[in-house]
Amino acid sequence: MKYLVAAIESETAVFGIEGDDAVNLTALNLAIGSDLMALIHDPALAPDTSGAPRVPVASLTPALPVAAPGTIICLGLNYVEHIKEGGYDIPDYPALFMRGRNSIMAAGQPMVRPSCSETLDYEAELMLIIGKGGRHISEADALSHVFGYTVFNDGSVREYQRKTHQ
């Protein structure tokens, strides 16, 4: 099942998506809570939705899928067109960086340009949500650790990325 965390009547809830309709899973099972953390830890919490009331997905306002995420690791310079656009060399090794919780926002949420920036840049990003932890995970087993994926908006202060030491 696909999930959407969304605001409804000033509350945040987890919805199961069925075509163009959504079912409020939180209302069917309060143990699910207001974000995906409970389902990530115990997918069996997802209730049977047959006969449950439905609302149009288009009527929902998306929220972040995890209210208080742990470590957010990002992969930069991950496609050639973007690397060339930024004037960078193609890296020999993945360019990893971290994001804080306050640097990502749900779809439709405003992105505030810091006063230190005239060239705030933004991109839609793919986010993998890891459900099962581990160490030294083989490539063959890697996807079994992924709970799901979503998109998020990412903002970058390009002036800081282009700074050089003098």
N, C-alpha and C. Protein backbone atom coordinates (compact mmCIF):
# COMPACT_ATOMS: atom_id res chain seq x y z
N MET A 1 0.85 -1.18 0.00
CA MET A 1 0.00 0.00 0.00
C MET A 1 0.89 1.24 0.00
N LYS A 2 0.43 2.27 -0.66
CA LYS A 2 1.11 3.57 -0.63
C LYS A 2 0.57 4.35 0.56
N TYR A 3 1.45 5.15 1.16
CA TYR A 3 1.06 5.95 2.32
C TYR A 3 1.27 7.43 2.04
N LEU A 4 0.48 8.25 2.70
CA LEU A 4 0.62 9.70 2.66
C LEU A 4 0.36 10.21 4.07
N VAL A 5 1.29 11.01 4.57
CA VAL A 5 1.06 11.70 5.83
C VAL A 5 0.53 13.08 5.45
N ALA A 6 -0.61 13.44 6.00
CA ALA A 6 -1.26 14.67 5.58
C ALA A 6 -2.04 15.29 6.73
N ALA A 7 -2.27 16.58 6.57
CA ALA A 7 -3.07 17.32 7.55
C ALA A 7 -4.54 17.21 7.16
N ILE A 8 -5.36 16.99 8.16
CA ILE A 8 -6.80 16.97 7.97
C ILE A 8 -7.43 17.50 9.25
N GLU A 9 -8.27 18.53 9.11
CA GLU A 9 -8.97 19.14 10.25
C GLU A 9 -7.99 19.47 11.38
N SER A 10 -6.92 20.16 11.07
CA SER A 10 -5.87 20.62 11.99
C SER A 10 -5.13 19.50 12.72
N GLU A 11 -5.27 18.27 12.26
CA GLU A 11 -4.54 17.12 12.80
C GLU A 11 -3.70 16.54 11.67
N THR A 12 -2.64 15.84 12.03
CA THR A 12 -1.85 15.13 11.03
C THR A 12 -2.12 13.65 11.19
N ALA A 13 -2.31 12.95 10.08
CA ALA A 13 -2.66 11.54 10.11
C ALA A 13 -1.97 10.81 8.96
N VAL A 14 -1.93 9.50 9.08
CA VAL A 14 -1.38 8.65 8.03
C VAL A 14 -2.55 8.12 7.21
N PHE A 15 -2.43 8.25 5.91
CA PHE A 15 -3.47 7.79 5.00
C PHE A 15 -2.93 6.67 4.12
N GLY A 16 -3.79 5.73 3.82
CA GLY A 16 -3.49 4.71 2.82
C GLY A 16 -4.09 5.18 1.51
N ILE A 17 -3.31 5.11 0.46
CA ILE A 17 -3.77 5.59 -0.85
C ILE A 17 -4.30 4.43 -1.67
N GLU A 18 -5.51 4.60 -2.18
CA GLU A 18 -6.15 3.61 -3.04
C GLU A 18 -6.68 4.33 -4.26
N GLY A 19 -5.87 4.36 -5.32
CA GLY A 19 -6.25 5.10 -6.52
C GLY A 19 -6.24 6.59 -6.24
N ASP A 20 -7.37 7.26 -6.52
CA ASP A 20 -7.49 8.70 -6.28
C ASP A 20 -8.05 8.99 -4.89
N ASP A 21 -8.29 7.94 -4.10
CA ASP A 21 -8.88 8.11 -2.77
C ASP A 21 -7.89 7.74 -1.68
N ALA A 22 -8.16 8.23 -0.49
CA ALA A 22 -7.32 7.95 0.67
C ALA A 22 -8.18 7.52 1.84
N VAL A 23 -7.63 6.64 2.66
CA VAL A 23 -8.30 6.17 3.87
C VAL A 23 -7.45 6.60 5.05
N ASN A 24 -8.07 7.20 6.06
CA ASN A 24 -7.37 7.65 7.24
C ASN A 24 -7.04 6.44 8.11
N LEU A 25 -5.79 5.96 8.00
CA LEU A 25 -5.38 4.78 8.76
C LEU A 25 -5.24 5.09 10.24
N THR A 26 -4.86 6.30 10.57
CA THR A 26 -4.73 6.69 11.97
C THR A 26 -6.08 6.59 12.67
N ALA A 27 -7.15 6.99 11.99
CA ALA A 27 -8.50 6.90 12.58
C ALA A 27 -8.92 5.45 12.79
N LEU A 28 -8.43 4.56 11.92
CA LEU A 28 -8.79 3.14 12.04
C LEU A 28 -7.96 2.42 13.10
N ASN A 29 -6.75 2.92 13.36
CA ASN A 29 -5.87 2.31 14.35
C ASN A 29 -5.01 3.40 14.96
N LEU A 30 -5.37 3.90 16.13
CA LEU A 30 -4.66 5.00 16.77
C LEU A 30 -3.20 4.69 17.04
N ALA A 31 -2.83 3.42 17.11
CA ALA A 31 -1.44 3.04 17.34
C ALA A 31 -0.53 3.47 16.18
N ILE A 32 -1.11 3.76 15.02
CA ILE A 32 -0.32 4.21 13.87
C ILE A 32 0.27 5.59 14.13
N GLY A 33 -0.45 6.43 14.84
CA GLY A 33 0.06 7.76 15.15
C GLY A 33 -0.05 8.72 13.99
N SER A 34 0.73 9.81 14.08
CA SER A 34 0.59 10.91 13.12
C SER A 34 1.70 10.99 12.09
N ASP A 35 2.59 9.99 12.05
CA ASP A 35 3.58 9.92 10.98
C ASP A 35 3.88 8.44 10.73
N LEU A 36 4.86 8.16 9.88
CA LEU A 36 5.10 6.78 9.47
C LEU A 36 5.93 5.95 10.44
N MET A 37 6.44 6.52 11.52
CA MET A 37 7.35 5.79 12.40
C MET A 37 6.77 4.48 12.92
N ALA A 38 5.53 4.47 13.37
CA ALA A 38 4.93 3.24 13.90
C ALA A 38 4.85 2.17 12.80
N LEU A 39 4.43 2.56 11.60
CA LEU A 39 4.34 1.60 10.49
C LEU A 39 5.73 1.13 10.04
N ILE A 40 6.72 2.01 10.12
CA ILE A 40 8.08 1.60 9.76
C ILE A 40 8.54 0.49 10.71
N HIS A 41 8.25 0.65 11.99
CA HIS A 41 8.67 -0.33 12.99
C HIS A 41 7.79 -1.58 12.99
N ASP A 42 6.52 -1.43 12.61
CA ASP A 42 5.61 -2.57 12.62
C ASP A 42 4.58 -2.44 11.49
N PRO A 43 4.94 -2.87 10.28
CA PRO A 43 4.02 -2.77 9.14
C PRO A 43 2.68 -3.49 9.36
N ALA A 44 2.65 -4.44 10.30
CA ALA A 44 1.41 -5.17 10.57
C ALA A 44 0.34 -4.29 11.21
N LEU A 45 0.70 -3.08 11.63
CA LEU A 45 -0.30 -2.15 12.19
C LEU A 45 -1.30 -1.67 11.15
N ALA A 46 -0.95 -1.76 9.87
CA ALA A 46 -1.85 -1.29 8.81
C ALA A 46 -3.16 -2.08 8.86
N PRO A 47 -4.28 -1.39 9.06
CA PRO A 47 -5.56 -2.07 9.22
C PRO A 47 -6.19 -2.45 7.87
N ASP A 48 -7.17 -3.31 7.93
CA ASP A 48 -7.99 -3.62 6.77
C ASP A 48 -8.82 -2.38 6.46
N THR A 49 -8.79 -1.93 5.22
CA THR A 49 -9.49 -0.69 4.87
C THR A 49 -10.82 -0.92 4.15
N SER A 50 -11.21 -2.18 4.00
CA SER A 50 -12.48 -2.42 3.30
C SER A 50 -13.63 -1.82 4.10
N GLY A 51 -14.45 -1.05 3.42
CA GLY A 51 -15.59 -0.40 4.05
C GLY A 51 -15.29 0.88 4.79
N ALA A 52 -14.02 1.26 4.86
CA ALA A 52 -13.65 2.49 5.58
C ALA A 52 -13.98 3.71 4.73
N PRO A 53 -14.31 4.83 5.36
CA PRO A 53 -14.60 6.06 4.61
C PRO A 53 -13.37 6.52 3.82
N ARG A 54 -13.63 7.10 2.68
CA ARG A 54 -12.57 7.58 1.79
C ARG A 54 -12.73 9.06 1.53
N VAL A 55 -11.59 9.71 1.30
CA VAL A 55 -11.58 11.11 0.91
C VAL A 55 -10.70 11.22 -0.33
N PRO A 56 -10.94 12.23 -1.17
CA PRO A 56 -10.07 12.39 -2.34
C PRO A 56 -8.64 12.77 -1.91
N VAL A 57 -7.65 12.13 -2.51
CA VAL A 57 -6.26 12.46 -2.22
C VAL A 57 -6.01 13.94 -2.47
N ALA A 58 -6.63 14.48 -3.52
CA ALA A 58 -6.43 15.89 -3.88
C ALA A 58 -6.89 16.84 -2.78
N SER A 59 -7.72 16.39 -1.85
CA SER A 59 -8.21 17.25 -0.78
C SER A 59 -7.26 17.32 0.42
N LEU A 60 -6.18 16.55 0.37
CA LEU A 60 -5.25 16.47 1.50
C LEU A 60 -4.03 17.35 1.30
N THR A 61 -3.51 17.90 2.39
CA THR A 61 -2.30 18.71 2.36
C THR A 61 -1.15 17.86 2.88
N PRO A 62 -0.17 17.54 2.04
CA PRO A 62 0.93 16.67 2.48
C PRO A 62 1.71 17.27 3.65
N ALA A 63 2.17 16.39 4.51
CA ALA A 63 3.08 16.73 5.61
C ALA A 63 4.32 15.86 5.44
N LEU A 64 5.36 16.13 6.22
CA LEU A 64 6.55 15.29 6.15
C LEU A 64 6.19 13.88 6.61
N PRO A 65 6.72 12.86 5.97
CA PRO A 65 6.35 11.49 6.32
C PRO A 65 6.82 11.06 7.71
N VAL A 66 7.92 11.66 8.19
CA VAL A 66 8.44 11.36 9.51
C VAL A 66 8.63 12.69 10.21
N ALA A 67 7.93 12.90 11.32
CA ALA A 67 7.94 14.20 12.00
C ALA A 67 9.31 14.54 12.57
N ALA A 68 10.00 13.56 13.11
CA ALA A 68 11.32 13.80 13.72
C ALA A 68 12.31 12.78 13.16
N PRO A 69 12.76 12.99 11.92
CA PRO A 69 13.66 12.00 11.31
C PRO A 69 15.00 11.96 12.03
N GLY A 70 15.64 10.82 11.92
CA GLY A 70 17.00 10.69 12.45
C GLY A 70 17.97 11.33 11.46
N THR A 71 19.02 10.65 11.17
CA THR A 71 20.04 11.16 10.28
C THR A 71 19.51 11.23 8.85
N ILE A 72 19.72 12.36 8.21
CA ILE A 72 19.35 12.53 6.81
C ILE A 72 20.65 12.68 6.03
N ILE A 73 20.98 11.66 5.26
CA ILE A 73 22.20 11.67 4.46
C ILE A 73 21.80 11.87 3.01
N CYS A 74 22.44 12.83 2.36
CA CYS A 74 22.11 13.17 0.98
C CYS A 74 23.28 12.86 0.06
N LEU A 75 22.96 12.59 -1.17
CA LEU A 75 23.96 12.33 -2.21
C LEU A 75 23.94 13.50 -3.17
N GLY A 76 25.04 14.22 -3.25
CA GLY A 76 25.14 15.36 -4.15
C GLY A 76 25.87 14.98 -5.43
N LEU A 77 25.80 15.86 -6.39
CA LEU A 77 26.48 15.67 -7.67
C LEU A 77 26.22 14.26 -8.21
N ASN A 78 24.94 13.91 -8.27
CA ASN A 78 24.58 12.54 -8.62
C ASN A 78 24.09 12.34 -10.04
N TYR A 79 24.14 13.38 -10.86
CA TYR A 79 23.89 13.16 -12.28
C TYR A 79 24.65 14.19 -13.08
N VAL A 80 25.13 13.75 -14.23
CA VAL A 80 26.09 14.52 -15.02
C VAL A 80 25.57 15.90 -15.40
N GLU A 81 24.31 16.01 -15.83
CA GLU A 81 23.79 17.31 -16.25
C GLU A 81 23.86 18.34 -15.13
N HIS A 82 23.55 17.90 -13.92
CA HIS A 82 23.58 18.81 -12.76
C HIS A 82 25.03 19.18 -12.42
N ILE A 83 25.93 18.24 -12.53
CA ILE A 83 27.34 18.52 -12.26
C ILE A 83 27.86 19.57 -13.23
N LYS A 84 27.56 19.40 -14.51
CA LYS A 84 28.01 20.37 -15.53
C LYS A 84 27.36 21.73 -15.31
N GLU A 85 26.07 21.74 -14.98
CA GLU A 85 25.34 22.98 -14.73
C GLU A 85 26.00 23.79 -13.61
N GLY A 86 26.50 23.09 -12.60
CA GLY A 86 27.14 23.76 -11.47
C GLY A 86 28.60 24.08 -11.68
N GLY A 87 29.17 23.62 -12.79
CA GLY A 87 30.58 23.89 -13.07
C GLY A 87 31.54 23.04 -12.26
N TYR A 88 31.10 21.87 -11.82
CA TYR A 88 31.94 20.99 -11.02
C TYR A 88 32.56 19.90 -11.90
N ASP A 89 33.62 19.28 -11.39
CA ASP A 89 34.19 18.10 -12.02
C ASP A 89 33.39 16.89 -11.56
N ILE A 90 33.31 15.88 -12.41
CA ILE A 90 32.61 14.65 -12.04
C ILE A 90 33.42 13.97 -10.94
N PRO A 91 32.81 13.73 -9.78
CA PRO A 91 33.57 13.17 -8.66
C PRO A 91 33.93 11.69 -8.88
N ASP A 92 35.03 11.28 -8.27
CA ASP A 92 35.44 9.87 -8.30
C ASP A 92 34.74 9.08 -7.20
N TYR A 93 34.18 9.80 -6.22
CA TYR A 93 33.59 9.16 -5.06
C TYR A 93 32.30 9.91 -4.74
N PRO A 94 31.28 9.24 -4.21
CA PRO A 94 30.01 9.93 -3.92
C PRO A 94 30.21 11.15 -3.02
N ALA A 95 29.55 12.23 -3.37
CA ALA A 95 29.57 13.46 -2.58
C ALA A 95 28.41 13.40 -1.59
N LEU A 96 28.69 13.02 -0.35
CA LEU A 96 27.65 12.87 0.66
C LEU A 96 27.64 14.10 1.57
N PHE A 97 26.46 14.49 2.00
CA PHE A 97 26.33 15.57 2.98
C PHE A 97 25.08 15.30 3.81
N MET A 98 24.97 15.99 4.91
CA MET A 98 23.84 15.78 5.81
C MET A 98 22.89 16.97 5.77
N ARG A 99 21.67 16.70 6.07
CA ARG A 99 20.63 17.73 6.18
C ARG A 99 20.03 17.66 7.58
N GLY A 100 19.71 18.81 8.12
CA GLY A 100 18.98 18.86 9.38
C GLY A 100 17.49 18.82 9.10
N ARG A 101 16.71 18.45 10.09
CA ARG A 101 15.26 18.36 9.96
C ARG A 101 14.65 19.68 9.48
N ASN A 102 15.21 20.81 9.93
CA ASN A 102 14.62 22.09 9.55
C ASN A 102 15.01 22.54 8.15
N SER A 103 15.78 21.73 7.42
CA SER A 103 16.16 22.12 6.06
C SER A 103 15.34 21.40 5.00
N ILE A 104 14.37 20.59 5.40
CA ILE A 104 13.48 19.95 4.43
C ILE A 104 12.05 20.35 4.76
N MET A 105 11.22 20.35 3.76
CA MET A 105 9.83 20.71 3.98
C MET A 105 8.93 19.89 3.07
N ALA A 106 7.71 19.74 3.50
CA ALA A 106 6.73 18.97 2.74
C ALA A 106 6.31 19.74 1.49
N ALA A 107 5.72 19.01 0.56
CA ALA A 107 5.22 19.62 -0.67
C ALA A 107 4.26 20.75 -0.33
N GLY A 108 4.41 21.87 -1.02
CA GLY A 108 3.52 23.00 -0.83
C GLY A 108 3.92 23.93 0.31
N GLN A 109 4.92 23.56 1.09
CA GLN A 109 5.36 24.41 2.20
C GLN A 109 6.33 25.47 1.66
N PRO A 110 6.33 26.65 2.25
CA PRO A 110 7.21 27.71 1.75
C PRO A 110 8.67 27.44 2.08
N MET A 111 9.54 27.82 1.17
CA MET A 111 10.96 27.77 1.38
C MET A 111 11.42 29.21 1.61
N VAL A 112 12.01 29.46 2.74
CA VAL A 112 12.41 30.82 3.10
C VAL A 112 13.87 31.03 2.71
N ARG A 113 14.12 32.06 1.90
CA ARG A 113 15.48 32.37 1.48
C ARG A 113 16.19 33.09 2.60
N PRO A 114 17.35 32.55 3.05
CA PRO A 114 18.11 33.25 4.08
C PRO A 114 18.57 34.62 3.57
N SER A 115 18.64 35.60 4.44
CA SER A 115 19.04 36.95 4.02
C SER A 115 20.46 37.00 3.49
N CYS A 116 21.29 35.98 3.80
CA CYS A 116 22.67 35.95 3.31
C CYS A 116 22.76 35.47 1.87
N SER A 117 21.65 35.10 1.26
CA SER A 117 21.70 34.49 -0.07
C SER A 117 20.87 35.27 -1.09
N GLU A 118 21.47 35.47 -2.23
CA GLU A 118 20.74 36.02 -3.37
C GLU A 118 20.43 34.92 -4.38
N THR A 119 21.05 33.76 -4.21
CA THR A 119 20.92 32.69 -5.21
C THR A 119 20.47 31.38 -4.58
N LEU A 120 19.52 31.43 -3.66
CA LEU A 120 18.98 30.20 -3.08
C LEU A 120 18.49 29.33 -4.23
N ASP A 121 18.91 28.09 -4.23
CA ASP A 121 18.51 27.15 -5.27
C ASP A 121 17.65 26.08 -4.63
N TYR A 122 16.76 25.50 -5.39
CA TYR A 122 15.90 24.46 -4.86
C TYR A 122 15.74 23.36 -5.89
N GLU A 123 15.50 22.18 -5.38
CA GLU A 123 15.31 21.01 -6.24
C GLU A 123 14.34 20.05 -5.55
N ALA A 124 13.63 19.30 -6.35
CA ALA A 124 12.86 18.18 -5.83
C ALA A 124 13.83 17.01 -5.72
N GLU A 125 13.77 16.31 -4.61
CA GLU A 125 14.70 15.21 -4.34
C GLU A 125 13.94 13.94 -4.03
N LEU A 126 14.56 12.82 -4.35
CA LEU A 126 14.03 11.50 -3.99
C LEU A 126 14.60 11.13 -2.63
N MET A 127 13.74 10.72 -1.72
CA MET A 127 14.17 10.31 -0.38
C MET A 127 13.80 8.85 -0.16
N LEU A 128 14.78 8.07 0.26
CA LEU A 128 14.52 6.70 0.67
C LEU A 128 14.33 6.70 2.18
N ILE A 129 13.32 5.99 2.65
CA ILE A 129 13.06 5.89 4.08
C ILE A 129 13.49 4.48 4.50
N ILE A 130 14.53 4.44 5.32
CA ILE A 130 15.07 3.16 5.75
C ILE A 130 14.19 2.62 6.88
N GLY A 131 13.75 1.39 6.74
CA GLY A 131 12.89 0.79 7.74
C GLY A 131 13.63 -0.16 8.66
N LYS A 132 14.54 -0.94 8.11
CA LYS A 132 15.27 -1.94 8.89
C LYS A 132 16.74 -1.55 8.86
N GLY A 133 17.32 -1.38 10.02
CA GLY A 133 18.74 -1.00 10.10
C GLY A 133 19.65 -2.17 9.79
N GLY A 134 20.93 -1.93 9.88
CA GLY A 134 21.90 -2.99 9.66
C GLY A 134 23.27 -2.42 9.40
N ARG A 135 24.23 -3.30 9.29
CA ARG A 135 25.62 -2.93 8.99
C ARG A 135 26.14 -3.91 7.96
N HIS A 136 27.04 -3.43 7.13
CA HIS A 136 27.69 -4.30 6.14
C HIS A 136 26.64 -5.06 5.32
N ILE A 137 25.64 -4.34 4.86
CA ILE A 137 24.53 -4.92 4.12
C ILE A 137 24.97 -5.16 2.68
N SER A 138 24.71 -6.34 2.17
CA SER A 138 25.11 -6.65 0.80
C SER A 138 24.22 -5.90 -0.19
N GLU A 139 24.72 -5.69 -1.37
CA GLU A 139 23.94 -5.02 -2.41
C GLU A 139 22.65 -5.80 -2.69
N ALA A 140 22.74 -7.13 -2.67
CA ALA A 140 21.57 -7.97 -2.94
C ALA A 140 20.48 -7.80 -1.88
N ASP A 141 20.86 -7.46 -0.63
CA ASP A 141 19.88 -7.32 0.45
C ASP A 141 19.49 -5.87 0.72
N ALA A 142 20.11 -4.92 0.06
CA ALA A 142 19.93 -3.50 0.38
C ALA A 142 18.47 -3.06 0.32
N LEU A 143 17.75 -3.41 -0.73
CA LEU A 143 16.37 -2.93 -0.87
C LEU A 143 15.42 -3.51 0.18
N SER A 144 15.79 -4.62 0.80
CA SER A 144 14.92 -5.17 1.85
C SER A 144 14.96 -4.29 3.10
N HIS A 145 15.89 -3.34 3.16
CA HIS A 145 16.00 -2.42 4.29
C HIS A 145 15.25 -1.11 4.04
N VAL A 146 14.74 -0.92 2.83
CA VAL A 146 14.04 0.31 2.47
C VAL A 146 12.55 0.12 2.77
N PHE A 147 12.00 1.00 3.62
CA PHE A 147 10.56 0.96 3.92
C PHE A 147 9.78 1.53 2.75
N GLY A 148 10.27 2.63 2.19
CA GLY A 148 9.56 3.28 1.10
C GLY A 148 10.36 4.45 0.59
N TYR A 149 9.73 5.24 -0.24
CA TYR A 149 10.39 6.41 -0.80
C TYR A 149 9.37 7.52 -0.96
N THR A 150 9.87 8.73 -1.04
CA THR A 150 9.01 9.89 -1.20
C THR A 150 9.82 10.98 -1.89
N VAL A 151 9.23 12.12 -2.06
CA VAL A 151 9.95 13.29 -2.58
C VAL A 151 9.94 14.36 -1.51
N PHE A 152 10.92 15.24 -1.56
CA PHE A 152 10.94 16.40 -0.67
C PHE A 152 11.61 17.54 -1.39
N ASN A 153 11.38 18.74 -0.91
CA ASN A 153 12.00 19.93 -1.48
C ASN A 153 13.30 20.19 -0.72
N ASP A 154 14.34 20.51 -1.46
CA ASP A 154 15.65 20.76 -0.88
C ASP A 154 16.12 22.14 -1.32
N GLY A 155 16.59 22.92 -0.37
CA GLY A 155 17.11 24.25 -0.69
C GLY A 155 18.60 24.32 -0.38
N SER A 156 19.34 25.00 -1.24
CA SER A 156 20.78 25.14 -1.06
C SER A 156 21.19 26.59 -1.23
N VAL A 157 22.03 27.07 -0.32
CA VAL A 157 22.62 28.40 -0.44
C VAL A 157 23.86 28.24 -1.29
N ARG A 158 23.74 28.54 -2.57
CA ARG A 158 24.84 28.31 -3.51
C ARG A 158 26.07 29.16 -3.19
N GLU A 159 25.86 30.34 -2.59
CA GLU A 159 27.02 31.17 -2.24
C GLU A 159 27.96 30.42 -1.31
N TYR A 160 27.42 29.63 -0.38
CA TYR A 160 28.27 28.88 0.55
C TYR A 160 28.95 27.71 -0.15
N GLN A 161 28.29 27.11 -1.10
CA GLN A 161 28.88 25.98 -1.81
C GLN A 161 30.04 26.43 -2.70
N ARG A 162 30.01 27.64 -3.15
CA ARG A 162 31.02 28.13 -4.07
C ARG A 162 32.17 28.86 -3.35
N LYS A 163 32.10 28.99 -2.02
CA LYS A 163 33.14 29.68 -1.27
C LYS A 163 34.46 28.95 -1.38
N THR A 164 35.52 29.67 -1.50
CA THR A 164 36.86 29.09 -1.48
C THR A 164 37.64 29.74 -0.35
N HIS A 165 38.59 29.02 0.17
CA HIS A 165 39.44 29.56 1.24
C HIS A 165 40.44 30.53 0.62
N GLN A 166 40.73 31.62 1.33
CA GLN A 166 41.67 32.60 0.82
C GLN A 166 42.84 32.76 1.74
